[in-house]
Protein backbone atom coordinates (compact mmCIF):
# COMPACT_ATOMS: atom_id res chain seq x y z
CA GLN A 1 0.00 0.00 0.00
CA VAL A 2 1.29 3.44 -0.92
CA GLN A 3 1.42 6.08 1.81
CA LEU A 4 0.89 9.73 0.90
CA VAL A 5 2.22 12.69 2.87
CA GLU A 6 1.16 16.19 1.86
CA SER A 7 2.97 19.36 2.97
CA GLY A 8 3.43 23.01 2.12
CA GLY A 9 0.13 24.50 3.16
CA GLY A 10 -0.29 27.62 5.27
CA LEU A 11 -1.92 31.00 5.64
CA VAL A 12 -1.50 33.34 2.70
CA GLN A 13 -3.06 36.64 1.65
CA PRO A 14 -5.23 36.87 -1.45
CA GLY A 15 -3.04 37.07 -4.53
CA GLY A 16 -0.27 35.13 -2.84
CA SER A 17 1.37 31.82 -3.77
CA LEU A 18 2.04 28.46 -2.19
CA ARG A 19 3.71 25.28 -3.39
CA LEU A 20 2.32 22.01 -2.13
CA SER A 21 4.22 18.73 -2.16
CA CYS A 22 3.01 15.16 -1.90
CA ALA A 23 5.53 12.44 -1.16
CA ALA A 24 4.55 8.87 -1.92
CA SER A 25 6.15 5.72 -0.60
CA GLY A 26 6.77 2.70 -2.79
CA SER A 27 8.13 2.13 -6.26
CA ILE A 28 4.84 2.03 -8.16
CA PHE A 29 4.23 5.78 -7.95
CA SER A 30 5.68 6.50 -11.37
CA PHE A 31 3.18 4.21 -13.10
CA TYR A 32 0.11 6.11 -11.89
CA ALA A 33 -1.53 9.30 -12.97
CA MET A 34 -1.76 11.49 -9.89
CA GLY A 35 -4.13 14.19 -8.78
CA TRP A 36 -4.59 16.96 -6.27
CA TYR A 37 -7.93 17.28 -4.52
CA ARG A 38 -9.35 19.72 -2.01
CA GLN A 39 -12.14 19.76 0.52
CA ALA A 40 -13.54 22.96 1.93
CA PRO A 41 -15.61 22.99 5.15
CA GLY A 42 -19.08 21.63 4.52
CA LYS A 43 -18.30 20.67 0.94
CA GLN A 44 -17.43 17.47 -0.86
CA ARG A 45 -13.88 16.69 -1.89
CA GLU A 46 -13.23 17.90 -5.44
CA SER A 47 -10.55 17.28 -8.01
CA VAL A 48 -8.29 20.25 -8.68
CA ALA A 49 -5.62 19.00 -11.08
CA ALA A 50 -4.16 15.80 -12.46
CA VAL A 51 -0.96 14.73 -14.16
CA THR A 52 -0.32 11.52 -16.09
CA SER A 53 2.78 9.41 -15.64
CA GLY A 54 4.10 11.09 -18.78
CA GLY A 55 3.42 14.63 -17.57
CA SER A 56 0.19 15.58 -19.35
CA THR A 57 -1.96 17.81 -17.16
CA THR A 58 -5.62 18.70 -16.67
CA TYR A 59 -7.21 21.29 -14.39
CA ALA A 60 -10.54 22.21 -12.92
CA ASP A 61 -11.93 25.36 -14.50
CA SER A 62 -11.77 27.14 -11.16
CA VAL A 63 -7.96 26.90 -11.00
CA LYS A 64 -7.00 26.90 -14.66
CA GLY A 65 -4.31 29.48 -15.35
CA ARG A 66 -3.46 29.86 -11.65
CA PHE A 67 -2.37 26.38 -10.52
CA THR A 68 0.30 24.13 -12.03
CA ILE A 69 0.66 20.44 -11.24
CA SER A 70 3.94 18.64 -11.83
CA ARG A 71 5.71 15.49 -10.74
CA HIS A 72 9.20 14.17 -10.14
CA ASN A 73 9.04 10.42 -10.56
CA ALA A 74 12.55 9.77 -9.26
CA LYS A 75 11.57 11.52 -6.02
CA ASN A 76 8.11 9.93 -5.86
CA THR A 77 6.69 13.41 -5.46
CA VAL A 78 3.89 15.41 -7.03
CA TYR A 79 3.66 19.20 -6.67
CA LEU A 80 0.98 21.84 -6.91
CA GLN A 81 2.14 25.41 -7.53
CA MET A 82 -0.69 27.75 -6.60
CA ASN A 83 -0.56 31.39 -7.69
CA SER A 84 -3.06 34.24 -7.49
CA LEU A 85 -4.76 32.54 -4.59
CA LYS A 86 -8.32 33.49 -3.73
CA PRO A 87 -10.29 33.08 -0.49
CA GLU A 88 -12.38 30.40 -2.20
CA ASP A 89 -9.23 28.29 -2.55
CA THR A 90 -9.27 27.79 1.22
CA ALA A 91 -9.49 24.04 1.87
CA VAL A 92 -7.58 20.99 2.97
CA TYR A 93 -5.58 19.75 -0.01
CA TYR A 94 -4.89 16.08 -0.65
CA CYS A 95 -3.13 14.06 -3.30
CA ASN A 96 -4.04 10.62 -4.58
CA THR A 97 -4.30 8.75 -7.83
CA ALA A 98 -5.99 10.69 -10.61
CA PRO A 99 -9.80 10.76 -10.59
CA GLN A 100 -10.15 8.72 -13.78
CA LEU A 101 -8.40 5.75 -12.18
CA ALA A 102 -10.27 3.02 -10.30
CA THR A 103 -7.36 2.57 -7.89
CA ARG A 104 -7.38 4.91 -4.90
CA TRP A 105 -4.79 4.73 -2.13
CA ASP A 106 -5.48 5.54 1.50
CA TRP A 107 -5.86 9.28 1.92
CA GLY A 108 -3.14 11.15 3.75
CA GLN A 109 -3.71 13.80 6.39
CA GLY A 110 -3.83 16.58 3.83
CA THR A 111 -2.39 20.07 4.16
CA GLN A 112 -4.45 23.11 5.12
CA VAL A 113 -4.45 26.12 2.81
CA THR A 114 -6.07 29.27 4.13
CA VAL A 115 -6.35 32.36 1.95
CA SER A 116 -7.32 35.37 4.01
CA SER A 117 -6.33 38.96 4.60
């Protein structure tokens, strides 16, 4: 079973930037498309961005042009660069396999992102 550890969240003002990281254990990471998800209070978890094993990316409309997902297979790590942050981006952010995949690993603890002045 792959373990996922997210980090990099914090409190940032509107318009600011953060870079999230997700470290995965195990050697199978590089074979899977990966995704970032977020869950705001009182809302369902939603997909934010995904990246295939080859590096092709997709984004939710709400973050397109502001967020960039990337991965480093040799480091078993997936990143989410978040720019021009808005208060509505406030949520706990998680990584896991991409939403189109049937396989889902155990969710990590997530990392809290709060956008507020």
